[in-house]
Amino acid sequence: MGAKQQGTDSATVANRWQVVARTLCFVTYQGDLLLMKRSLTKRIFPGFYNGVGGHIERDEDPLTGARREILEETGLHIPHLRFCGSTHVDAGQSTGIILYIFTGEADSREVMDCEEGTLEWLPLAPLLASLQDGTNQLPLVEDLPITLPRIFGTDAPPLPFFAHVTYDVHDQIVFRVAN
């Protein structure tokens, strides 16, 4: 079947939900997790901690995009990434987001400066404990308190996971995982 027969012409997709493909990557090193505190000048999640990642380019698959984003934002070359899951994000618009989530182990703690924000190595075990007992004080992107324990928790279910995110009438996240 050729490209023209894939059903992506404007008439076919006019009334269908479409997504922007992105990666979200969690890099670890000797028990620490690398998170980025997003710059206050950024439009998306200013001042919040998140993993690294970004848009998948037109000529990339999710794994290649994840490696590129890690290198661009941290300077780290991480050849072995593990696919952990995907999350469909429906923010109530005609276009949503699909996140391909990866983890990888760095062989160094040395990262470069990044225009996106400030990179910080945080001890993973205390972070997970604070998420579990409700004492977390870090401003995390809203899905991280759900996603991080699912990936790194000692009693986490098997990976990969597949999730769908929507928002309730109070604009609070609703995170559903497929069973």
C-alpha atoms as a PDB file:
ATOM      1  CA  MET A   1       0.000   0.000   0.000  1.00  0.00           C
ATOM      2  CA  GLY A   2       1.470   3.336  -1.026  1.00  0.00           C
ATOM      3  CA  ALA A   3       1.668   6.566   0.933  1.00  0.00           C
ATOM      4  CA  LYS A   4      -1.390   8.015  -0.773  1.00  0.00           C
ATOM      5  CA  GLN A   5      -3.480   5.041   0.368  1.00  0.00           C
ATOM      6  CA  GLN A   6      -2.621   5.367   4.079  1.00  0.00           C
ATOM      7  CA  GLY A   7      -5.624   7.590   4.829  1.00  0.00           C
ATOM      8  CA  THR A   8      -3.699  10.694   5.890  1.00  0.00           C
ATOM      9  CA  ASP A   9      -5.065  13.098   3.296  1.00  0.00           C
ATOM     10  CA  SER A  10      -6.805  16.207   4.649  1.00  0.00           C
ATOM     11  CA  ALA A  11     -10.305  14.993   3.723  1.00  0.00           C
ATOM     12  CA  THR A  12      -9.846  11.693   5.577  1.00  0.00           C
ATOM     13  CA  VAL A  13      -8.326  13.162   8.756  1.00  0.00           C
ATOM     14  CA  ALA A  14     -10.449  16.316   8.928  1.00  0.00           C
ATOM     15  CA  ASN A  15     -12.681  14.955  11.698  1.00  0.00           C
ATOM     16  CA  ARG A  16     -10.198  12.611  13.376  1.00  0.00           C
ATOM     17  CA  TRP A  17      -8.175  13.232  16.473  1.00  0.00           C
ATOM     18  CA  GLN A  18      -4.517  13.785  15.650  1.00  0.00           C
ATOM     19  CA  VAL A  19      -1.432  13.706  17.862  1.00  0.00           C
ATOM     20  CA  VAL A  20       1.965  15.340  18.126  1.00  0.00           C
ATOM     21  CA  ALA A  21       4.613  12.695  18.867  1.00  0.00           C
ATOM     22  CA  ARG A  22       7.067  13.423  21.699  1.00  0.00           C
ATOM     23  CA  THR A  23       9.580  11.592  23.843  1.00  0.00           C
ATOM     24  CA  LEU A  24       9.989  11.727  27.604  1.00  0.00           C
ATOM     25  CA  CYS A  25      13.250  10.303  28.943  1.00  0.00           C
ATOM     26  CA  PHE A  26      14.395   9.530  32.460  1.00  0.00           C
ATOM     27  CA  VAL A  27      18.164   9.193  32.794  1.00  0.00           C
ATOM     28  CA  THR A  28      19.683   7.639  35.908  1.00  0.00           C
ATOM     29  CA  TYR A  29      23.204   7.392  37.265  1.00  0.00           C
ATOM     30  CA  GLN A  30      24.178   5.395  40.353  1.00  0.00           C
ATOM     31  CA  GLY A  31      20.797   5.785  42.046  1.00  0.00           C
ATOM     32  CA  ASP A  32      20.176   9.378  41.006  1.00  0.00           C
ATOM     33  CA  LEU A  33      17.596  10.647  38.516  1.00  0.00           C
ATOM     34  CA  LEU A  34      18.308  13.491  36.113  1.00  0.00           C
ATOM     35  CA  LEU A  35      15.441  15.963  35.928  1.00  0.00           C
ATOM     36  CA  MET A  36      15.208  19.314  34.235  1.00  0.00           C
ATOM     37  CA  LYS A  37      13.761  22.289  36.042  1.00  0.00           C
ATOM     38  CA  ARG A  38      12.149  24.088  33.140  1.00  0.00           C
ATOM     39  CA  SER A  39      13.195  27.684  32.569  1.00  0.00           C
ATOM     40  CA  LEU A  40      10.718  30.288  33.789  1.00  0.00           C
ATOM     41  CA  THR A  41      10.735  31.777  30.282  1.00  0.00           C
ATOM     42  CA  LYS A  42       9.346  28.573  28.705  1.00  0.00           C
ATOM     43  CA  ARG A  43       5.705  28.461  27.652  1.00  0.00           C
ATOM     44  CA  ILE A  44       5.236  24.818  28.643  1.00  0.00           C
ATOM     45  CA  PHE A  45       5.695  23.882  32.339  1.00  0.00           C
ATOM     46  CA  PRO A  46       7.805  26.919  33.395  1.00  0.00           C
ATOM     47  CA  GLY A  47       9.547  26.258  36.714  1.00  0.00           C
ATOM     48  CA  PHE A  48       8.452  22.613  36.865  1.00  0.00           C
ATOM     49  CA  TYR A  49      10.670  19.529  36.983  1.00  0.00           C
ATOM     50  CA  ASN A  50      10.359  17.015  34.153  1.00  0.00           C
ATOM     51  CA  GLY A  51      12.415  14.414  32.361  1.00  0.00           C
ATOM     52  CA  VAL A  52      14.221  15.388  29.181  1.00  0.00           C
ATOM     53  CA  GLY A  53      12.781  14.953  25.733  1.00  0.00           C
ATOM     54  CA  GLY A  54      10.809  16.707  23.056  1.00  0.00           C
ATOM     55  CA  HIS A  55       9.267  16.417  19.639  1.00  0.00           C
ATOM     56  CA  ILE A  56       9.994  13.501  17.356  1.00  0.00           C
ATOM     57  CA  GLU A  57      11.198  14.818  14.015  1.00  0.00           C
ATOM     58  CA  ARG A  58       9.523  13.757  10.789  1.00  0.00           C
ATOM     59  CA  ASP A  59      12.325  11.357   9.796  1.00  0.00           C
ATOM     60  CA  GLU A  60      12.714   9.762  13.258  1.00  0.00           C
ATOM     61  CA  ASP A  61      11.301   6.811  15.109  1.00  0.00           C
ATOM     62  CA  PRO A  62      10.665   7.304  18.867  1.00  0.00           C
ATOM     63  CA  LEU A  63      13.930   5.627  19.935  1.00  0.00           C
ATOM     64  CA  THR A  64      16.063   7.777  17.619  1.00  0.00           C
ATOM     65  CA  GLY A  65      14.176  10.883  18.753  1.00  0.00           C
ATOM     66  CA  ALA A  66      14.758  10.003  22.407  1.00  0.00           C
ATOM     67  CA  ARG A  67      18.496   9.555  21.878  1.00  0.00           C
ATOM     68  CA  ARG A  68      18.715  12.852  19.969  1.00  0.00           C
ATOM     69  CA  GLU A  69      16.766  14.772  22.613  1.00  0.00           C
ATOM     70  CA  ILE A  70      18.902  13.369  25.447  1.00  0.00           C
ATOM     71  CA  LEU A  71      22.081  14.344  23.611  1.00  0.00           C
ATOM     72  CA  GLU A  72      20.795  17.834  22.706  1.00  0.00           C
ATOM     73  CA  GLU A  73      19.515  18.640  26.183  1.00  0.00           C
ATOM     74  CA  THR A  74      22.149  16.962  28.368  1.00  0.00           C
ATOM     75  CA  GLY A  75      25.217  16.212  26.256  1.00  0.00           C
ATOM     76  CA  LEU A  76      24.919  12.566  27.338  1.00  0.00           C
ATOM     77  CA  HIS A  77      25.198   9.756  24.808  1.00  0.00           C
ATOM     78  CA  ILE A  78      23.038   6.889  26.042  1.00  0.00           C
ATOM     79  CA  PRO A  79      23.032   4.040  23.522  1.00  0.00           C
ATOM     80  CA  HIS A  80      20.832   1.645  25.534  1.00  0.00           C
ATOM     81  CA  LEU A  81      17.370   3.008  26.218  1.00  0.00           C
ATOM     82  CA  ARG A  82      14.469   0.979  27.540  1.00  0.00           C
ATOM     83  CA  PHE A  83      10.928   1.643  26.345  1.00  0.00           C
ATOM     84  CA  CYS A  84       8.712   1.981  29.413  1.00  0.00           C
ATOM     85  CA  GLY A  85       5.366   2.953  27.964  1.00  0.00           C
ATOM     86  CA  SER A  86       3.313   5.471  26.112  1.00  0.00           C
ATOM     87  CA  THR A  87       0.786   8.039  27.210  1.00  0.00           C
ATOM     88  CA  HIS A  88      -1.902   9.607  25.048  1.00  0.00           C
ATOM     89  CA  VAL A  89      -2.615  13.118  26.301  1.00  0.00           C
ATOM     90  CA  ASP A  90      -6.034  14.529  25.420  1.00  0.00           C
ATOM     91  CA  ALA A  91      -6.157  18.152  26.575  1.00  0.00           C
ATOM     92  CA  GLY A  92      -9.543  18.752  24.970  1.00  0.00           C
ATOM     93  CA  GLN A  93      -8.235  20.103  21.680  1.00  0.00           C
ATOM     94  CA  SER A  94      -8.433  18.619  18.172  1.00  0.00           C
ATOM     95  CA  THR A  95      -4.747  17.700  18.449  1.00  0.00           C
ATOM     96  CA  GLY A  96      -3.312  15.758  21.371  1.00  0.00           C
ATOM     97  CA  ILE A  97       0.085  14.409  22.337  1.00  0.00           C
ATOM     98  CA  ILE A  98       1.519  10.928  22.434  1.00  0.00           C
ATOM     99  CA  LEU A  99       4.507  10.476  24.722  1.00  0.00           C
ATOM    100  CA  TYR A 100       6.943   7.637  24.192  1.00  0.00           C
ATOM    101  CA  ILE A 101       8.639   7.157  27.556  1.00  0.00           C
ATOM    102  CA  PHE A 102      12.172   5.765  27.927  1.00  0.00           C
ATOM    103  CA  THR A 103      14.769   5.210  30.643  1.00  0.00           C
ATOM    104  CA  GLY A 104      18.510   4.903  30.323  1.00  0.00           C
ATOM    105  CA  GLU A 105      21.586   4.697  32.533  1.00  0.00           C
ATOM    106  CA  ALA A 106      24.298   7.324  32.056  1.00  0.00           C
ATOM    107  CA  ASP A 107      27.968   6.491  32.433  1.00  0.00           C
ATOM    108  CA  SER A 108      28.711   9.954  33.799  1.00  0.00           C
ATOM    109  CA  ARG A 109      27.075  12.700  35.813  1.00  0.00           C
ATOM    110  CA  GLU A 110      28.611  15.423  33.642  1.00  0.00           C
ATOM    111  CA  VAL A 111      25.908  17.291  31.739  1.00  0.00           C
ATOM    112  CA  MET A 112      25.997  20.453  29.688  1.00  0.00           C
ATOM    113  CA  ASP A 113      23.984  23.630  30.169  1.00  0.00           C
ATOM    114  CA  CYS A 114      20.714  23.732  28.314  1.00  0.00           C
ATOM    115  CA  GLU A 115      18.454  26.585  27.194  1.00  0.00           C
ATOM    116  CA  GLU A 116      15.385  24.545  28.147  1.00  0.00           C
ATOM    117  CA  GLY A 117      16.157  24.727  31.873  1.00  0.00           C
ATOM    118  CA  THR A 118      18.508  23.589  34.626  1.00  0.00           C
ATOM    119  CA  LEU A 119      19.524  19.934  34.846  1.00  0.00           C
ATOM    120  CA  GLU A 120      19.661  18.454  38.347  1.00  0.00           C
ATOM    121  CA  TRP A 121      20.612  15.000  39.631  1.00  0.00           C
ATOM    122  CA  LEU A 122      18.231  13.994  42.414  1.00  0.00           C
ATOM    123  CA  PRO A 123      18.455  10.906  44.643  1.00  0.00           C
ATOM    124  CA  LEU A 124      15.768   8.618  43.226  1.00  0.00           C
ATOM    125  CA  ALA A 125      14.848   6.591  46.340  1.00  0.00           C
ATOM    126  CA  PRO A 126      13.988   9.616  48.525  1.00  0.00           C
ATOM    127  CA  LEU A 127      12.042  11.170  45.638  1.00  0.00           C
ATOM    128  CA  LEU A 128       9.975   8.006  45.206  1.00  0.00           C
ATOM    129  CA  ALA A 129       9.418   7.808  48.979  1.00  0.00           C
ATOM    130  CA  SER A 130       8.213  11.430  49.073  1.00  0.00           C
ATOM    131  CA  LEU A 131       5.774  10.698  46.248  1.00  0.00           C
ATOM    132  CA  GLN A 132       4.467   7.644  48.083  1.00  0.00           C
ATOM    133  CA  ASP A 133       4.008   9.314  51.474  1.00  0.00           C
ATOM    134  CA  GLY A 134       2.762  12.658  50.101  1.00  0.00           C
ATOM    135  CA  THR A 135       5.676  14.781  51.348  1.00  0.00           C
ATOM    136  CA  ASN A 136       7.099  15.736  47.939  1.00  0.00           C
ATOM    137  CA  GLN A 137       7.919  19.447  47.762  1.00  0.00           C
ATOM    138  CA  LEU A 138       9.339  19.605  44.240  1.00  0.00           C
ATOM    139  CA  PRO A 139       7.152  21.250  41.616  1.00  0.00           C
ATOM    140  CA  LEU A 140       6.845  18.242  39.305  1.00  0.00           C
ATOM    141  CA  VAL A 141       5.005  18.167  35.990  1.00  0.00           C
ATOM    142  CA  GLU A 142       1.595  16.779  36.916  1.00  0.00           C
ATOM    143  CA  ASP A 143       2.024  13.256  35.526  1.00  0.00           C
ATOM    144  CA  LEU A 144       5.419  12.560  37.161  1.00  0.00           C
ATOM    145  CA  PRO A 145       3.994  11.618  40.596  1.00  0.00           C
ATOM    146  CA  ILE A 146       2.102   8.856  38.750  1.00  0.00           C
ATOM    147  CA  THR A 147       4.676   7.940  36.109  1.00  0.00           C
ATOM    148  CA  LEU A 148       7.875   7.771  38.197  1.00  0.00           C
ATOM    149  CA  PRO A 149       6.617   5.161  40.701  1.00  0.00           C
ATOM    150  CA  ARG A 150       5.138   3.142  37.816  1.00  0.00           C
ATOM    151  CA  ILE A 151       8.583   3.012  36.181  1.00  0.00           C
ATOM    152  CA  PHE A 152      10.991   2.977  39.136  1.00  0.00           C
ATOM    153  CA  GLY A 153       8.927   1.783  42.107  1.00  0.00           C
ATOM    154  CA  THR A 154       9.877  -1.472  43.793  1.00  0.00           C
ATOM    155  CA  ASP A 155       6.307  -2.756  43.488  1.00  0.00           C
ATOM    156  CA  ALA A 156       5.706  -1.330  40.011  1.00  0.00           C
ATOM    157  CA  PRO A 157       3.694  -3.445  37.573  1.00  0.00           C
ATOM    158  CA  PRO A 158       5.460  -4.882  34.521  1.00  0.00           C
ATOM    159  CA  LEU A 159       6.489  -2.551  31.710  1.00  0.00           C
ATOM    160  CA  PRO A 160       5.597  -1.309  29.202  1.00  0.00           C
ATOM    161  CA  PHE A 161       2.413   0.472  30.220  1.00  0.00           C
ATOM    162  CA  PHE A 162      -0.103   2.244  28.017  1.00  0.00           C
ATOM    163  CA  ALA A 163      -1.983   5.213  29.452  1.00  0.00           C
ATOM    164  CA  HIS A 164      -4.504   7.833  28.446  1.00  0.00           C
ATOM    165  CA  VAL A 165      -4.595  11.239  30.118  1.00  0.00           C
ATOM    166  CA  THR A 166      -7.583  13.572  30.169  1.00  0.00           C
ATOM    167  CA  TYR A 167      -8.641  16.408  32.459  1.00  0.00           C
ATOM    168  CA  ASP A 168     -11.730  16.671  34.626  1.00  0.00           C
ATOM    169  CA  VAL A 169     -14.047  19.686  34.946  1.00  0.00           C
ATOM    170  CA  HIS A 170     -11.621  21.217  37.491  1.00  0.00           C
ATOM    171  CA  ASP A 171      -8.695  20.822  35.035  1.00  0.00           C
ATOM    172  CA  GLN A 172      -7.158  18.071  37.195  1.00  0.00           C
ATOM    173  CA  ILE A 173      -5.333  15.204  35.540  1.00  0.00           C
ATOM    174  CA  VAL A 174      -7.139  11.884  35.022  1.00  0.00           C
ATOM    175  CA  PHE A 175      -4.508   9.190  34.346  1.00  0.00           C
ATOM    176  CA  ARG A 176      -5.873   5.855  33.152  1.00  0.00           C
ATOM    177  CA  VAL A 177      -3.669   2.856  32.506  1.00  0.00           C
ATOM    178  CA  ALA A 178      -4.783   0.037  30.208  1.00  0.00           C
ATOM    179  CA  ASN A 179      -5.137  -3.323  31.927  1.00  0.00           C
END
